[in-house]
């Protein structure tokens, strides 16, 4: 439309603080809901389990490597009979 019925340009300088405050409040509400629902506790427990399982797998891997090295060294070592 034109004339007095035309839409004016939005004043960004006036609307930006309102947008910032509203985004802050939405974020605060979301964080509150996540804390109250126990999301972070569940996430932390699951991450701890995953890390513990990974450490166990890694330790088992290195134990197999050590066992193979010991077996290979025993197979190669010449035993001296006295």
PDB file of N, CA and C in Angstrom:
ATOM      1  N   UNK A   1       0.838  -1.177   0.000  1.00  0.00           N
ATOM      2  CA  UNK A   1       0.000   0.000   0.000  1.00  0.00           C
ATOM      3  C   UNK A   1       0.879   1.235   0.000  1.00  0.00           C
ATOM      4  N   UNK A   2       0.272   2.285  -0.345  1.00  0.00           N
ATOM      5  CA  UNK A   2       1.002   3.540  -0.407  1.00  0.00           C
ATOM      6  C   UNK A   2       0.302   4.576   0.462  1.00  0.00           C
ATOM      7  N   UNK A   3       0.981   5.631   0.675  1.00  0.00           N
ATOM      8  CA  UNK A   3       0.386   6.744   1.412  1.00  0.00           C
ATOM      9  C   UNK A   3       0.351   6.487   2.900  1.00  0.00           C
ATOM     10  N   UNK A   4      -0.726   6.912   3.542  1.00  0.00           N
ATOM     11  CA  UNK A   4      -0.816   6.799   4.998  1.00  0.00           C
ATOM     12  C   UNK A   4      -1.060   5.364   5.447  1.00  0.00           C
ATOM     13  N   UNK A   5      -1.480   4.492   4.533  1.00  0.00           N
ATOM     14  CA  UNK A   5      -1.735   3.096   4.869  1.00  0.00           C
ATOM     15  C   UNK A   5      -0.494   2.212   4.713  1.00  0.00           C
ATOM     16  N   UNK A   6       0.594   2.771   4.216  1.00  0.00           N
ATOM     17  CA  UNK A   6       1.805   1.991   3.957  1.00  0.00           C
ATOM     18  C   UNK A   6       2.441   1.528   5.266  1.00  0.00           C
ATOM     19  N   UNK A   7       3.055   0.370   5.186  1.00  0.00           N
ATOM     20  CA  UNK A   7       3.779  -0.137   6.353  1.00  0.00           C
ATOM     21  C   UNK A   7       5.102   0.599   6.462  1.00  0.00           C
ATOM     22  N   UNK A   8       5.415   1.049   7.647  1.00  0.00           N
ATOM     23  CA  UNK A   8       6.673   1.752   7.858  1.00  0.00           C
ATOM     24  C   UNK A   8       7.813   0.773   8.066  1.00  0.00           C
ATOM     25  N   UNK A   9       9.026   1.285   7.935  1.00  0.00           N
ATOM     26  CA  UNK A   9      10.193   0.450   8.199  1.00  0.00           C
ATOM     27  C   UNK A   9      10.259   0.156   9.694  1.00  0.00           C
ATOM     28  N   UNK A  10      10.552  -1.083  10.058  1.00  0.00           N
ATOM     29  CA  UNK A  10      10.671  -1.373  11.489  1.00  0.00           C
ATOM     30  C   UNK A  10      11.907  -0.690  12.064  1.00  0.00           C
ATOM     31  N   UNK A  11      11.759  -0.173  13.256  1.00  0.00           N
ATOM     32  CA  UNK A  11      12.860   0.498  13.927  1.00  0.00           C
ATOM     33  C   UNK A  11      13.657  -0.560  14.697  1.00  0.00           C
ATOM     34  N   UNK A  12      14.762  -0.999  14.111  1.00  0.00           N
ATOM     35  CA  UNK A  12      15.568  -2.064  14.705  1.00  0.00           C
ATOM     36  C   UNK A  12      16.170  -1.634  16.042  1.00  0.00           C
ATOM     37  N   UNK A  13      16.557  -0.382  16.132  1.00  0.00           N
ATOM     38  CA  UNK A  13      17.168   0.118  17.365  1.00  0.00           C
ATOM     39  C   UNK A  13      16.190   0.015  18.537  1.00  0.00           C
ATOM     40  N   UNK A  14      14.905   0.143  18.253  1.00  0.00           N
ATOM     41  CA  UNK A  14      13.906   0.084  19.317  1.00  0.00           C
ATOM     42  C   UNK A  14      13.495  -1.361  19.618  1.00  0.00           C
ATOM     43  N   UNK A  15      13.530  -2.237  18.615  1.00  0.00           N
ATOM     44  CA  UNK A  15      13.053  -3.608  18.807  1.00  0.00           C
ATOM     45  C   UNK A  15      14.143  -4.578  19.265  1.00  0.00           C
ATOM     46  N   UNK A  16      15.401  -4.254  19.039  1.00  0.00           N
ATOM     47  CA  UNK A  16      16.488  -5.162  19.380  1.00  0.00           C
ATOM     48  C   UNK A  16      16.577  -5.458  20.884  1.00  0.00           C
ATOM     49  N   UNK A  17      16.472  -4.479  21.764  1.00  0.00           N
ATOM     50  CA  UNK A  17      16.503  -4.816  23.200  1.00  0.00           C
ATOM     51  C   UNK A  17      15.361  -5.744  23.605  1.00  0.00           C
ATOM     52  N   UNK A  18      14.182  -5.541  23.038  1.00  0.00           N
ATOM     53  CA  UNK A  18      13.050  -6.414  23.343  1.00  0.00           C
ATOM     54  C   UNK A  18      13.335  -7.839  22.863  1.00  0.00           C
ATOM     55  N   UNK A  19      13.918  -7.961  21.692  1.00  0.00           N
ATOM     56  CA  UNK A  19      14.277  -9.276  21.165  1.00  0.00           C
ATOM     57  C   UNK A  19      15.328  -9.949  22.047  1.00  0.00           C
ATOM     58  N   UNK A  20      16.337  -9.193  22.469  1.00  0.00           N
ATOM     59  CA  UNK A  20      17.393  -9.755  23.315  1.00  0.00           C
ATOM     60  C   UNK A  20      16.827 -10.233  24.650  1.00  0.00           C
ATOM     61  N   UNK A  21      15.975  -9.434  25.258  1.00  0.00           N
ATOM     62  CA  UNK A  21      15.378  -9.808  26.544  1.00  0.00           C
ATOM     63  C   UNK A  21      14.491 -11.035  26.379  1.00  0.00           C
ATOM     64  N   UNK A  22      13.703 -11.071  25.310  1.00  0.00           N
ATOM     65  CA  UNK A  22      12.817 -12.221  25.112  1.00  0.00           C
ATOM     66  C   UNK A  22      13.628 -13.495  24.861  1.00  0.00           C
ATOM     67  N   UNK A  23      14.723 -13.423  24.101  1.00  0.00           N
ATOM     68  CA  UNK A  23      15.559 -14.600  23.869  1.00  0.00           C
ATOM     69  C   UNK A  23      16.229 -15.056  25.167  1.00  0.00           C
ATOM     70  N   UNK A  24      16.622 -14.102  26.004  1.00  0.00           N
ATOM     71  CA  UNK A  24      17.207 -14.444  27.299  1.00  0.00           C
ATOM     72  C   UNK A  24      16.190 -15.189  28.154  1.00  0.00           C
ATOM     73  N   UNK A  25      14.958 -14.710  28.175  1.00  0.00           N
ATOM     74  CA  UNK A  25      13.921 -15.349  28.986  1.00  0.00           C
ATOM     75  C   UNK A  25      13.578 -16.745  28.454  1.00  0.00           C
ATOM     76  N   UNK A  26      13.532 -16.899  27.148  1.00  0.00           N
ATOM     77  CA  UNK A  26      13.267 -18.222  26.572  1.00  0.00           C
ATOM     78  C   UNK A  26      14.401 -19.181  26.940  1.00  0.00           C
ATOM     79  N   UNK A  27      15.638 -18.732  26.831  1.00  0.00           N
ATOM     80  CA  UNK A  27      16.779 -19.568  27.198  1.00  0.00           C
ATOM     81  C   UNK A  27      16.769 -19.931  28.669  1.00  0.00           C
ATOM     82  N   UNK A  28      16.425 -18.962  29.509  1.00  0.00           N
ATOM     83  CA  UNK A  28      16.357 -19.218  30.942  1.00  0.00           C
ATOM     84  C   UNK A  28      15.274 -20.255  31.245  1.00  0.00           C
ATOM     85  N   UNK A  29      14.135 -20.128  30.593  1.00  0.00           N
ATOM     86  CA  UNK A  29      13.060 -21.101  30.796  1.00  0.00           C
ATOM     87  C   UNK A  29      13.462 -22.494  30.344  1.00  0.00           C
ATOM     88  N   UNK A  30      14.156 -22.573  29.226  1.00  0.00           N
ATOM     89  CA  UNK A  30      14.605 -23.867  28.713  1.00  0.00           C
ATOM     90  C   UNK A  30      15.617 -24.509  29.660  1.00  0.00           C
ATOM     91  N   UNK A  31      16.564 -23.743  30.144  1.00  0.00           N
ATOM     92  CA  UNK A  31      17.556 -24.271  31.093  1.00  0.00           C
ATOM     93  C   UNK A  31      16.887 -24.723  32.388  1.00  0.00           C
ATOM     94  N   UNK A  32      15.920 -23.949  32.857  1.00  0.00           N
ATOM     95  CA  UNK A  32      15.203 -24.325  34.079  1.00  0.00           C
ATOM     96  C   UNK A  32      14.472 -25.644  33.878  1.00  0.00           C
ATOM     97  N   UNK A  33      13.796 -25.776  32.744  1.00  0.00           N
ATOM     98  CA  UNK A  33      13.074 -27.023  32.466  1.00  0.00           C
ATOM     99  C   UNK A  33      14.038 -28.199  32.384  1.00  0.00           C
ATOM    100  N   UNK A  34      15.196 -27.998  31.773  1.00  0.00           N
ATOM    101  CA  UNK A  34      16.163 -29.091  31.647  1.00  0.00           C
ATOM    102  C   UNK A  34      16.737 -29.475  33.009  1.00  0.00           C
ATOM    103  N   UNK A  35      16.981 -28.498  33.853  1.00  0.00           N
ATOM    104  CA  UNK A  35      17.513 -28.800  35.187  1.00  0.00           C
ATOM    105  C   UNK A  35      16.470 -29.519  36.039  1.00  0.00           C
ATOM    106  N   UNK A  36      15.233 -29.047  35.989  1.00  0.00           N
ATOM    107  CA  UNK A  36      14.183 -29.651  36.802  1.00  0.00           C
ATOM    108  C   UNK A  36      13.827 -31.055  36.324  1.00  0.00           C
ATOM    109  N   UNK A  37      13.963 -31.325  35.047  1.00  0.00           N
ATOM    110  CA  UNK A  37      13.616 -32.649  34.526  1.00  0.00           C
ATOM    111  C   UNK A  37      14.737 -33.663  34.746  1.00  0.00           C
ATOM    112  N   UNK A  38      15.905 -33.199  35.166  1.00  0.00           N
ATOM    113  CA  UNK A  38      17.022 -34.106  35.409  1.00  0.00           C
ATOM    114  C   UNK A  38      17.780 -34.465  34.152  1.00  0.00           C
ATOM    115  N   UNK A  39      17.629 -33.678  33.109  1.00  0.00           N
ATOM    116  CA  UNK A  39      18.306 -33.968  31.844  1.00  0.00           C
ATOM    117  C   UNK A  39      19.810 -34.022  32.029  1.00  0.00           C
ATOM    118  N   UNK A  40      20.369 -33.063  32.744  1.00  0.00           N
ATOM    119  CA  UNK A  40      21.820 -33.013  32.895  1.00  0.00           C
ATOM    120  C   UNK A  40      22.335 -34.186  33.718  1.00  0.00           C
ATOM    121  N   UNK A  41      21.573 -34.630  34.708  1.00  0.00           N
ATOM    122  CA  UNK A  41      21.985 -35.783  35.511  1.00  0.00           C
ATOM    123  C   UNK A  41      22.019 -37.039  34.656  1.00  0.00           C
ATOM    124  N   UNK A  42      20.983 -37.242  33.850  1.00  0.00           N
ATOM    125  CA  UNK A  42      20.926 -38.415  32.977  1.00  0.00           C
ATOM    126  C   UNK A  42      22.067 -38.370  31.978  1.00  0.00           C
ATOM    127  N   UNK A  43      22.307 -37.219  31.399  1.00  0.00           N
ATOM    128  CA  UNK A  43      23.375 -37.070  30.409  1.00  0.00           C
ATOM    129  C   UNK A  43      24.731 -37.371  31.043  1.00  0.00           C
ATOM    130  N   UNK A  44      24.963 -36.860  32.252  1.00  0.00           N
ATOM    131  CA  UNK A  44      26.237 -37.075  32.934  1.00  0.00           C
ATOM    132  C   UNK A  44      26.447 -38.555  33.248  1.00  0.00           C
ATOM    133  N   UNK A  45      25.408 -39.229  33.716  1.00  0.00           N
ATOM    134  CA  UNK A  45      25.514 -40.654  34.036  1.00  0.00           C
ATOM    135  C   UNK A  45      25.800 -41.459  32.774  1.00  0.00           C
ATOM    136  N   UNK A  46      25.094 -41.155  31.693  1.00  0.00           N
ATOM    137  CA  UNK A  46      25.319 -41.888  30.440  1.00  0.00           C
ATOM    138  C   UNK A  46      26.726 -41.660  29.909  1.00  0.00           C
ATOM    139  N   UNK A  47      27.218 -40.435  29.998  1.00  0.00           N
ATOM    140  CA  UNK A  47      28.583 -40.150  29.545  1.00  0.00           C
ATOM    141  C   UNK A  47      29.604 -40.890  30.407  1.00  0.00           C
ATOM    142  N   UNK A  48      29.366 -40.959  31.717  1.00  0.00           N
ATOM    143  CA  UNK A  48      30.289 -41.669  32.607  1.00  0.00           C
ATOM    144  C   UNK A  48      30.308 -43.161  32.273  1.00  0.00           C
ATOM    145  N   UNK A  49      29.133 -43.735  32.001  1.00  0.00           N
ATOM    146  CA  UNK A  49      29.079 -45.154  31.629  1.00  0.00           C
ATOM    147  C   UNK A  49      29.829 -45.394  30.328  1.00  0.00           C
ATOM    148  N   UNK A  50      29.611 -44.526  29.350  1.00  0.00           N
ATOM    149  CA  UNK A  50      30.265 -44.678  28.054  1.00  0.00           C
ATOM    150  C   UNK A  50      31.782 -44.580  28.202  1.00  0.00           C
ATOM    151  N   UNK A  51      32.233 -43.639  29.026  1.00  0.00           N
ATOM    152  CA  UNK A  51      33.674 -43.474  29.217  1.00  0.00           C
ATOM    153  C   UNK A  51      34.267 -44.680  29.944  1.00  0.00           C
ATOM    154  N   UNK A  52      33.557 -45.210  30.947  1.00  0.00           N
ATOM    155  CA  UNK A  52      34.049 -46.379  31.677  1.00  0.00           C
ATOM    156  C   UNK A  52      34.136 -47.592  30.757  1.00  0.00           C
ATOM    157  N   UNK A  53      33.124 -47.776  29.896  1.00  0.00           N
ATOM    158  CA  UNK A  53      33.162 -48.897  28.956  1.00  0.00           C
ATOM    159  C   UNK A  53      34.324 -48.748  27.977  1.00  0.00           C
ATOM    160  N   UNK A  54      34.565 -47.533  27.540  1.00  0.00           N
ATOM    161  CA  UNK A  54      35.674 -47.288  26.619  1.00  0.00           C
ATOM    162  C   UNK A  54      37.014 -47.590  27.290  1.00  0.00           C
ATOM    163  N   UNK A  55      37.164 -47.193  28.555  1.00  0.00           N
ATOM    164  CA  UNK A  55      38.404 -47.471  29.279  1.00  0.00           C
ATOM    165  C   UNK A  55      38.609 -48.970  29.465  1.00  0.00           C
ATOM    166  N   UNK A  56      37.521 -49.706  29.739  1.00  0.00           N
ATOM    167  CA  UNK A  56      37.626 -51.160  29.896  1.00  0.00           C
ATOM    168  C   UNK A  56      38.051 -51.797  28.577  1.00  0.00           C
ATOM    169  N   UNK A  57      37.431 -51.364  27.462  1.00  0.00           N
ATOM    170  CA  UNK A  57      37.810 -51.913  26.152  1.00  0.00           C
ATOM    171  C   UNK A  57      39.270 -51.619  25.835  1.00  0.00           C
ATOM    172  N   UNK A  58      39.694 -50.402  26.152  1.00  0.00           N
ATOM    173  CA  UNK A  58      41.083 -50.034  25.874  1.00  0.00           C
ATOM    174  C   UNK A  58      42.044 -50.861  26.721  1.00  0.00           C
ATOM    175  N   UNK A  59      41.718 -51.059  27.993  1.00  0.00           N
ATOM    176  CA  UNK A  59      42.581 -51.853  28.865  1.00  0.00           C
ATOM    177  C   UNK A  59      42.638 -53.304  28.393  1.00  0.00           C
ATOM    178  N   UNK A  60      41.492 -53.854  27.965  1.00  0.00           N
ATOM    179  CA  UNK A  60      41.490 -55.221  27.437  1.00  0.00           C
ATOM    180  C   UNK A  60      42.341 -55.318  26.173  1.00  0.00           C
ATOM    181  N   UNK A  61      42.261 -54.318  25.318  1.00  0.00           N
ATOM    182  CA  UNK A  61      43.067 -54.305  24.098  1.00  0.00           C
ATOM    183  C   UNK A  61      44.550 -54.329  24.434  1.00  0.00           C
ATOM    184  N   UNK A  62      44.970 -53.448  25.344  1.00  0.00           N
ATOM    185  CA  UNK A  62      46.395 -53.390  25.674  1.00  0.00           C
ATOM    186  C   UNK A  62      46.847 -54.647  26.407  1.00  0.00           C
ATOM    187  N   UNK A  63      45.951 -55.282  27.165  1.00  0.00           N
ATOM    188  CA  UNK A  63      46.307 -56.545  27.814  1.00  0.00           C
ATOM    189  C   UNK A  63      46.542 -57.625  26.760  1.00  0.00           C
ATOM    190  N   UNK A  64      45.693 -57.675  25.725  1.00  0.00           N
ATOM    191  CA  UNK A  64      45.899 -58.637  24.638  1.00  0.00           C
ATOM    192  C   UNK A  64      47.213 -58.364  23.914  1.00  0.00           C
ATOM    193  N   UNK A  65      47.535 -57.085  23.714  1.00  0.00           N
ATOM    194  CA  UNK A  65      48.805 -56.732  23.058  1.00  0.00           C
ATOM    195  C   UNK A  65      49.975 -57.212  23.901  1.00  0.00           C
ATOM    196  N   UNK A  66      49.922 -56.977  25.210  1.00  0.00           N
ATOM    197  CA  UNK A  66      51.011 -57.424  26.090  1.00  0.00           C
ATOM    198  C   UNK A  66      51.139 -58.949  26.080  1.00  0.00           C
ATOM    199  N   UNK A  67      49.986 -59.643  26.101  1.00  0.00           N
ATOM    200  CA  UNK A  67      50.019 -61.113  26.074  1.00  0.00           C
ATOM    201  C   UNK A  67      50.625 -61.622  24.770  1.00  0.00           C
ATOM    202  N   UNK A  68      50.236 -61.009  23.646  1.00  0.00           N
ATOM    203  CA  UNK A  68      50.799 -61.430  22.356  1.00  0.00           C
ATOM    204  C   UNK A  68      52.296 -61.183  22.308  1.00  0.00           C
ATOM    205  N   UNK A  69      52.728 -60.042  22.815  1.00  0.00           N
ATOM    206  CA  UNK A  69      54.167 -59.738  22.827  1.00  0.00           C
ATOM    207  C   UNK A  69      54.929 -60.737  23.688  1.00  0.00           C
ATOM    208  N   UNK A  70      54.358 -61.067  24.847  1.00  0.00           N
ATOM    209  CA  UNK A  70      55.021 -62.033  25.731  1.00  0.00           C
ATOM    210  C   UNK A  70      55.081 -63.405  25.069  1.00  0.00           C
ATOM    211  N   UNK A  71      53.996 -63.812  24.398  1.00  0.00           N
ATOM    212  CA  UNK A  71      53.988 -65.117  23.723  1.00  0.00           C
ATOM    213  C   UNK A  71      54.983 -65.127  22.572  1.00  0.00           C
ATOM    214  N   UNK A  72      55.039 -64.044  21.820  1.00  0.00           N
ATOM    215  CA  UNK A  72      55.977 -63.964  20.701  1.00  0.00           C
ATOM    216  C   UNK A  72      57.414 -63.994  21.212  1.00  0.00           C
ATOM    217  N   UNK A  73      57.669 -63.281  22.315  1.00  0.00           N
ATOM    218  CA  UNK A  73      59.024 -63.262  22.873  1.00  0.00           C
ATOM    219  C   UNK A  73      59.393 -64.642  23.408  1.00  0.00           C
ATOM    220  N   UNK A  74      58.440 -65.330  24.018  1.00  0.00           N
ATOM    221  CA  UNK A  74      58.721 -66.679  24.531  1.00  0.00           C
ATOM    222  C   UNK A  74      58.979 -67.648  23.388  1.00  0.00           C
ATOM    223  N   UNK A  75      58.296 -67.454  22.264  1.00  0.00           N
ATOM    224  CA  UNK A  75      58.494 -68.345  21.113  1.00  0.00           C
ATOM    225  C   UNK A  75      59.841 -68.100  20.451  1.00  0.00           C
ATOM    226  N   UNK A  76      60.325 -66.879  20.493  1.00  0.00           N
ATOM    227  CA  UNK A  76      61.577 -66.529  19.832  1.00  0.00           C
ATOM    228  C   UNK A  76      62.775 -66.779  20.735  1.00  0.00           C
ATOM    229  N   UNK A  77      62.599 -66.696  22.022  1.00  0.00           N
ATOM    230  CA  UNK A  77      63.708 -66.843  22.964  1.00  0.00           C
ATOM    231  C   UNK A  77      64.255 -68.268  22.920  1.00  0.00           C
ATOM    232  N   UNK A  78      65.566 -68.362  22.830  1.00  0.00           N
ATOM    233  CA  UNK A  78      66.234 -69.666  22.822  1.00  0.00           C
ATOM    234  C   UNK A  78      66.492 -70.054  24.268  1.00  0.00           C
ATOM    235  N   UNK A  79      65.933 -71.186  24.621  1.00  0.00           N
ATOM    236  CA  UNK A  79      66.145 -71.623  25.999  1.00  0.00           C
ATOM    237  C   UNK A  79      67.443 -72.421  26.065  1.00  0.00           C
ATOM    238  N   UNK A  80      68.225 -72.136  27.044  1.00  0.00           N
ATOM    239  CA  UNK A  80      69.503 -72.844  27.195  1.00  0.00           C
ATOM    240  C   UNK A  80      69.312 -73.962  28.212  1.00  0.00           C
ATOM    241  N   UNK A  81      69.642 -75.155  27.780  1.00  0.00           N
ATOM    242  CA  UNK A  81      69.523 -76.291  28.686  1.00  0.00           C
ATOM    243  C   UNK A  81      70.891 -76.555  29.309  1.00  0.00           C
ATOM    244  N   UNK A  82      70.953 -76.609  30.585  1.00  0.00           N
ATOM    245  CA  UNK A  82      72.223 -76.829  31.300  1.00  0.00           C
ATOM    246  C   UNK A  82      72.431 -78.265  31.620  1.00  0.00           C
TER     247      UNK A  82
END
